Amino acid sequence: MKFVIFGIALIACLPVFPQDQPTVVPQNYVVFRISGGFRVVAEDGRFVNAIAATIEPVKPLQVVRFKGNVEITIDGMELRADQVDYHWDTGELEPNGNVHLQPVAK
């Protein structure tokens, strides 16, 4: 009888216990640490490799900000800037401060 009462009490308390809920984050990219920098891979497979001191998401979460002596090589061009915002949903790079763009020597 004690076990029945204990079981009923336990079932009555179930809504009180926290349940695991998946955290929904509205971002469709993944950031990897690679040698000397970072790789941001978008959901559709596009990616950008960047050498930077720091990386941070910017609200809205469609933007990833690279800061500190940023170097990005893409499509045969090397982009250097103090800060670069990467809009992963469009693939746009928005450099700020001390911007240099030059072709990569082959």
N, C-alpha and C. Protein backbone atom coordinates (compact mmCIF):
# COMPACT_ATOMS: atom_id res chain seq x y z
N MET A 1 0.82 -1.19 0.00
CA MET A 1 0.00 0.00 0.00
C MET A 1 0.87 1.26 0.00
N LYS A 2 1.99 1.19 0.75
CA LYS A 2 2.89 2.35 0.78
C LYS A 2 3.46 2.62 -0.61
N PHE A 3 3.77 1.56 -1.36
CA PHE A 3 4.34 1.73 -2.70
C PHE A 3 3.32 2.35 -3.66
N VAL A 4 2.05 2.01 -3.50
CA VAL A 4 1.01 2.57 -4.35
C VAL A 4 0.88 4.06 -4.09
N ILE A 5 0.86 4.45 -2.83
CA ILE A 5 0.75 5.87 -2.47
C ILE A 5 1.99 6.62 -2.95
N PHE A 6 3.16 6.01 -2.77
CA PHE A 6 4.41 6.64 -3.23
C PHE A 6 4.39 6.79 -4.76
N GLY A 7 3.91 5.78 -5.47
CA GLY A 7 3.82 5.84 -6.93
C GLY A 7 2.88 6.93 -7.39
N ILE A 8 1.74 7.06 -6.75
CA ILE A 8 0.78 8.10 -7.12
C ILE A 8 1.37 9.49 -6.84
N ALA A 9 2.06 9.64 -5.71
CA ALA A 9 2.70 10.91 -5.38
C ALA A 9 3.78 11.25 -6.40
N LEU A 10 4.55 10.26 -6.83
CA LEU A 10 5.60 10.48 -7.82
C LEU A 10 5.01 10.90 -9.16
N ILE A 11 3.95 10.24 -9.59
CA ILE A 11 3.30 10.59 -10.84
C ILE A 11 2.71 11.99 -10.76
N ALA A 12 2.16 12.37 -9.62
CA ALA A 12 1.58 13.70 -9.45
C ALA A 12 2.67 14.78 -9.53
N CYS A 13 3.90 14.44 -9.17
CA CYS A 13 5.00 15.42 -9.16
C CYS A 13 5.73 15.52 -10.49
N LEU A 14 5.43 14.67 -11.46
CA LEU A 14 6.16 14.68 -12.73
C LEU A 14 6.18 16.04 -13.42
N PRO A 15 5.07 16.79 -13.45
CA PRO A 15 5.15 18.09 -14.11
C PRO A 15 6.11 19.07 -13.43
N VAL A 16 6.48 18.81 -12.20
CA VAL A 16 7.38 19.69 -11.46
C VAL A 16 8.83 19.51 -11.92
N PHE A 17 9.20 18.29 -12.31
CA PHE A 17 10.57 18.01 -12.72
C PHE A 17 10.84 18.63 -14.08
N PRO A 18 12.01 19.28 -14.22
CA PRO A 18 12.34 19.86 -15.53
C PRO A 18 12.55 18.76 -16.56
N GLN A 19 12.12 19.03 -17.76
CA GLN A 19 12.29 18.07 -18.84
C GLN A 19 13.20 18.68 -19.89
N ASP A 20 13.99 17.82 -20.51
CA ASP A 20 14.91 18.30 -21.54
C ASP A 20 14.12 18.78 -22.74
N GLN A 21 14.37 19.99 -23.12
CA GLN A 21 13.76 20.56 -24.31
C GLN A 21 14.89 20.96 -25.25
N PRO A 22 14.77 20.65 -26.53
CA PRO A 22 15.82 21.07 -27.45
C PRO A 22 15.85 22.60 -27.54
N THR A 23 17.05 23.14 -27.52
CA THR A 23 17.21 24.58 -27.64
C THR A 23 17.17 24.94 -29.11
N VAL A 24 16.24 25.78 -29.47
CA VAL A 24 16.12 26.19 -30.86
C VAL A 24 16.91 27.47 -31.04
N VAL A 25 17.98 27.37 -31.82
CA VAL A 25 18.81 28.53 -32.11
C VAL A 25 18.66 28.84 -33.59
N PRO A 26 18.23 30.04 -33.93
CA PRO A 26 17.99 30.35 -35.33
C PRO A 26 19.28 30.64 -36.09
N GLN A 27 20.16 29.67 -36.14
CA GLN A 27 21.38 29.84 -36.91
C GLN A 27 21.58 28.60 -37.76
N ASN A 28 22.00 28.82 -38.97
CA ASN A 28 22.20 27.72 -39.88
C ASN A 28 23.65 27.68 -40.33
N TYR A 29 24.55 27.88 -39.40
CA TYR A 29 25.97 27.77 -39.69
C TYR A 29 26.67 27.14 -38.50
N VAL A 30 27.86 26.61 -38.77
CA VAL A 30 28.66 26.00 -37.72
C VAL A 30 30.05 26.61 -37.81
N VAL A 31 30.65 26.89 -36.65
CA VAL A 31 31.98 27.46 -36.61
C VAL A 31 32.95 26.39 -36.11
N PHE A 32 34.04 26.20 -36.87
CA PHE A 32 35.08 25.26 -36.49
C PHE A 32 36.37 26.02 -36.25
N ARG A 33 37.15 25.55 -35.31
CA ARG A 33 38.48 26.10 -35.07
C ARG A 33 39.44 25.33 -35.94
N ILE A 34 40.19 26.02 -36.81
CA ILE A 34 41.19 25.38 -37.65
C ILE A 34 42.54 26.00 -37.30
N SER A 35 43.62 25.43 -37.81
CA SER A 35 44.94 25.94 -37.45
C SER A 35 45.06 27.41 -37.87
N GLY A 36 45.29 28.25 -36.90
CA GLY A 36 45.48 29.66 -37.14
C GLY A 36 44.22 30.48 -37.33
N GLY A 37 43.04 29.87 -37.26
CA GLY A 37 41.85 30.67 -37.48
C GLY A 37 40.56 29.91 -37.29
N PHE A 38 39.57 30.27 -38.10
CA PHE A 38 38.22 29.73 -37.97
C PHE A 38 37.68 29.36 -39.34
N ARG A 39 36.75 28.42 -39.37
CA ARG A 39 36.00 28.09 -40.58
C ARG A 39 34.53 28.18 -40.23
N VAL A 40 33.80 28.98 -41.01
CA VAL A 40 32.35 29.09 -40.84
C VAL A 40 31.72 28.36 -42.02
N VAL A 41 30.90 27.35 -41.71
CA VAL A 41 30.24 26.56 -42.74
C VAL A 41 28.74 26.80 -42.67
N ALA A 42 28.17 27.28 -43.76
CA ALA A 42 26.74 27.53 -43.82
C ALA A 42 26.01 26.21 -44.05
N GLU A 43 24.72 26.22 -43.79
CA GLU A 43 23.89 25.02 -43.91
C GLU A 43 23.93 24.42 -45.32
N ASP A 44 24.05 25.28 -46.34
CA ASP A 44 24.05 24.79 -47.72
C ASP A 44 25.43 24.37 -48.21
N GLY A 45 26.44 24.38 -47.32
CA GLY A 45 27.77 23.90 -47.69
C GLY A 45 28.77 25.00 -48.00
N ARG A 46 28.31 26.24 -48.19
CA ARG A 46 29.25 27.33 -48.41
C ARG A 46 30.10 27.51 -47.16
N PHE A 47 31.35 27.93 -47.34
CA PHE A 47 32.19 28.15 -46.17
C PHE A 47 33.17 29.28 -46.43
N VAL A 48 33.69 29.81 -45.35
CA VAL A 48 34.74 30.82 -45.42
C VAL A 48 35.75 30.50 -44.33
N ASN A 49 37.04 30.56 -44.68
CA ASN A 49 38.11 30.39 -43.71
C ASN A 49 38.65 31.77 -43.38
N ALA A 50 38.86 32.03 -42.11
CA ALA A 50 39.35 33.34 -41.69
C ALA A 50 40.36 33.18 -40.58
N ILE A 51 41.42 33.98 -40.66
CA ILE A 51 42.37 34.09 -39.55
C ILE A 51 41.99 35.37 -38.82
N ALA A 52 41.73 35.26 -37.53
CA ALA A 52 41.30 36.42 -36.74
C ALA A 52 41.62 36.17 -35.28
N ALA A 53 41.70 37.25 -34.52
CA ALA A 53 41.94 37.13 -33.08
C ALA A 53 40.71 36.59 -32.36
N THR A 54 39.52 37.09 -32.74
CA THR A 54 38.28 36.64 -32.11
C THR A 54 37.17 36.50 -33.14
N ILE A 55 36.15 35.77 -32.74
CA ILE A 55 34.96 35.60 -33.57
C ILE A 55 33.75 35.68 -32.65
N GLU A 56 32.68 36.31 -33.13
CA GLU A 56 31.47 36.44 -32.29
C GLU A 56 30.25 36.55 -33.19
N PRO A 57 29.12 35.99 -32.74
CA PRO A 57 27.87 36.18 -33.49
C PRO A 57 27.33 37.57 -33.22
N VAL A 58 26.68 38.14 -34.22
CA VAL A 58 26.09 39.47 -34.10
C VAL A 58 24.60 39.34 -34.35
N LYS A 59 23.80 40.00 -33.53
CA LYS A 59 22.36 39.96 -33.74
C LYS A 59 22.00 40.92 -34.84
N PRO A 60 21.24 40.55 -35.83
CA PRO A 60 20.60 39.25 -35.98
C PRO A 60 21.65 38.17 -36.24
N LEU A 61 21.34 36.94 -35.93
CA LEU A 61 22.31 35.86 -35.96
C LEU A 61 22.74 35.44 -37.36
N GLN A 62 22.38 36.17 -38.37
CA GLN A 62 22.84 35.87 -39.72
C GLN A 62 24.23 36.45 -39.97
N VAL A 63 24.83 37.07 -38.96
CA VAL A 63 26.12 37.72 -39.12
C VAL A 63 27.12 37.14 -38.12
N VAL A 64 28.32 36.85 -38.64
CA VAL A 64 29.43 36.42 -37.80
C VAL A 64 30.50 37.49 -37.92
N ARG A 65 31.00 38.00 -36.79
CA ARG A 65 31.99 39.08 -36.80
C ARG A 65 33.37 38.52 -36.44
N PHE A 66 34.32 38.75 -37.35
CA PHE A 66 35.72 38.43 -37.09
C PHE A 66 36.41 39.72 -36.70
N LYS A 67 37.23 39.68 -35.64
CA LYS A 67 37.92 40.88 -35.18
C LYS A 67 39.40 40.62 -34.98
N GLY A 68 40.21 41.64 -35.23
CA GLY A 68 41.64 41.58 -34.93
C GLY A 68 42.48 40.96 -36.03
N ASN A 69 43.09 41.81 -36.88
CA ASN A 69 43.99 41.36 -37.95
C ASN A 69 43.37 40.22 -38.76
N VAL A 70 42.21 40.47 -39.32
CA VAL A 70 41.46 39.45 -40.05
C VAL A 70 42.07 39.25 -41.44
N GLU A 71 42.25 37.99 -41.81
CA GLU A 71 42.69 37.63 -43.16
C GLU A 71 41.74 36.57 -43.69
N ILE A 72 41.15 36.86 -44.84
CA ILE A 72 40.24 35.91 -45.48
C ILE A 72 40.66 35.78 -46.94
N THR A 73 40.86 34.55 -47.40
CA THR A 73 41.16 34.30 -48.80
C THR A 73 39.95 33.62 -49.42
N ILE A 74 39.43 34.25 -50.48
CA ILE A 74 38.24 33.72 -51.13
C ILE A 74 38.28 34.08 -52.62
N ASP A 75 37.98 33.13 -53.46
CA ASP A 75 37.93 33.34 -54.92
C ASP A 75 39.19 33.99 -55.47
N GLY A 76 40.35 33.56 -55.01
CA GLY A 76 41.61 34.07 -55.54
C GLY A 76 41.99 35.45 -55.06
N MET A 77 41.28 35.97 -54.08
CA MET A 77 41.58 37.29 -53.52
C MET A 77 41.82 37.16 -52.02
N GLU A 78 42.75 37.96 -51.51
CA GLU A 78 43.01 37.98 -50.07
C GLU A 78 42.50 39.30 -49.51
N LEU A 79 41.64 39.20 -48.52
CA LEU A 79 41.05 40.36 -47.86
C LEU A 79 41.67 40.47 -46.47
N ARG A 80 42.21 41.65 -46.18
CA ARG A 80 42.74 41.93 -44.83
C ARG A 80 42.02 43.16 -44.29
N ALA A 81 41.61 43.07 -43.02
CA ALA A 81 40.91 44.19 -42.39
C ALA A 81 41.00 44.05 -40.88
N ASP A 82 40.68 45.14 -40.18
CA ASP A 82 40.64 45.10 -38.72
C ASP A 82 39.44 44.29 -38.24
N GLN A 83 38.35 44.36 -39.00
CA GLN A 83 37.12 43.66 -38.64
C GLN A 83 36.35 43.31 -39.91
N VAL A 84 35.77 42.11 -39.93
CA VAL A 84 34.97 41.69 -41.08
C VAL A 84 33.68 41.05 -40.56
N ASP A 85 32.56 41.52 -41.06
CA ASP A 85 31.27 40.90 -40.78
C ASP A 85 30.93 39.98 -41.94
N TYR A 86 30.70 38.70 -41.63
CA TYR A 86 30.35 37.72 -42.66
C TYR A 86 28.86 37.43 -42.55
N HIS A 87 28.11 37.79 -43.59
CA HIS A 87 26.68 37.52 -43.64
C HIS A 87 26.52 36.15 -44.27
N TRP A 88 26.39 35.12 -43.43
CA TRP A 88 26.40 33.75 -43.92
C TRP A 88 25.20 33.43 -44.80
N ASP A 89 24.08 34.15 -44.60
CA ASP A 89 22.90 33.85 -45.41
C ASP A 89 23.05 34.32 -46.85
N THR A 90 23.83 35.38 -47.09
CA THR A 90 24.04 35.88 -48.45
C THR A 90 25.46 35.64 -48.95
N GLY A 91 26.40 35.32 -48.04
CA GLY A 91 27.79 35.13 -48.43
C GLY A 91 28.56 36.44 -48.53
N GLU A 92 27.94 37.55 -48.13
CA GLU A 92 28.56 38.87 -48.23
C GLU A 92 29.59 39.08 -47.12
N LEU A 93 30.73 39.66 -47.48
CA LEU A 93 31.76 40.04 -46.52
C LEU A 93 31.76 41.55 -46.41
N GLU A 94 31.70 42.07 -45.18
CA GLU A 94 31.65 43.51 -44.95
C GLU A 94 32.87 43.92 -44.11
N PRO A 95 33.97 44.37 -44.78
CA PRO A 95 35.18 44.73 -44.04
C PRO A 95 35.10 46.15 -43.46
N ASN A 96 35.79 46.35 -42.33
CA ASN A 96 35.85 47.66 -41.68
C ASN A 96 37.26 47.91 -41.18
N GLY A 97 37.76 49.13 -41.35
CA GLY A 97 39.03 49.55 -40.79
C GLY A 97 40.24 48.92 -41.43
N ASN A 98 41.12 49.73 -42.01
CA ASN A 98 42.37 49.27 -42.62
C ASN A 98 42.14 48.13 -43.60
N VAL A 99 41.33 48.35 -44.60
CA VAL A 99 40.96 47.29 -45.55
C VAL A 99 41.96 47.23 -46.68
N HIS A 100 42.43 46.01 -46.97
CA HIS A 100 43.34 45.76 -48.10
C HIS A 100 42.81 44.55 -48.85
N LEU A 101 42.77 44.66 -50.18
CA LEU A 101 42.31 43.56 -51.02
C LEU A 101 43.35 43.37 -52.11
N GLN A 102 43.85 42.15 -52.25
CA GLN A 102 44.86 41.90 -53.27
C GLN A 102 44.70 40.48 -53.82
N PRO A 103 45.10 40.27 -55.07
CA PRO A 103 45.02 38.93 -55.64
C PRO A 103 46.05 38.01 -54.97
N VAL A 104 45.70 36.74 -54.89
CA VAL A 104 46.60 35.74 -54.30
C VAL A 104 47.57 35.30 -55.39
N ALA A 105 48.85 35.34 -55.06
CA ALA A 105 49.88 34.88 -56.02
C ALA A 105 49.82 33.37 -56.14
N LYS A 106 49.85 32.89 -57.37
CA LYS A 106 49.78 31.44 -57.61
C LYS A 106 51.15 30.87 -57.84
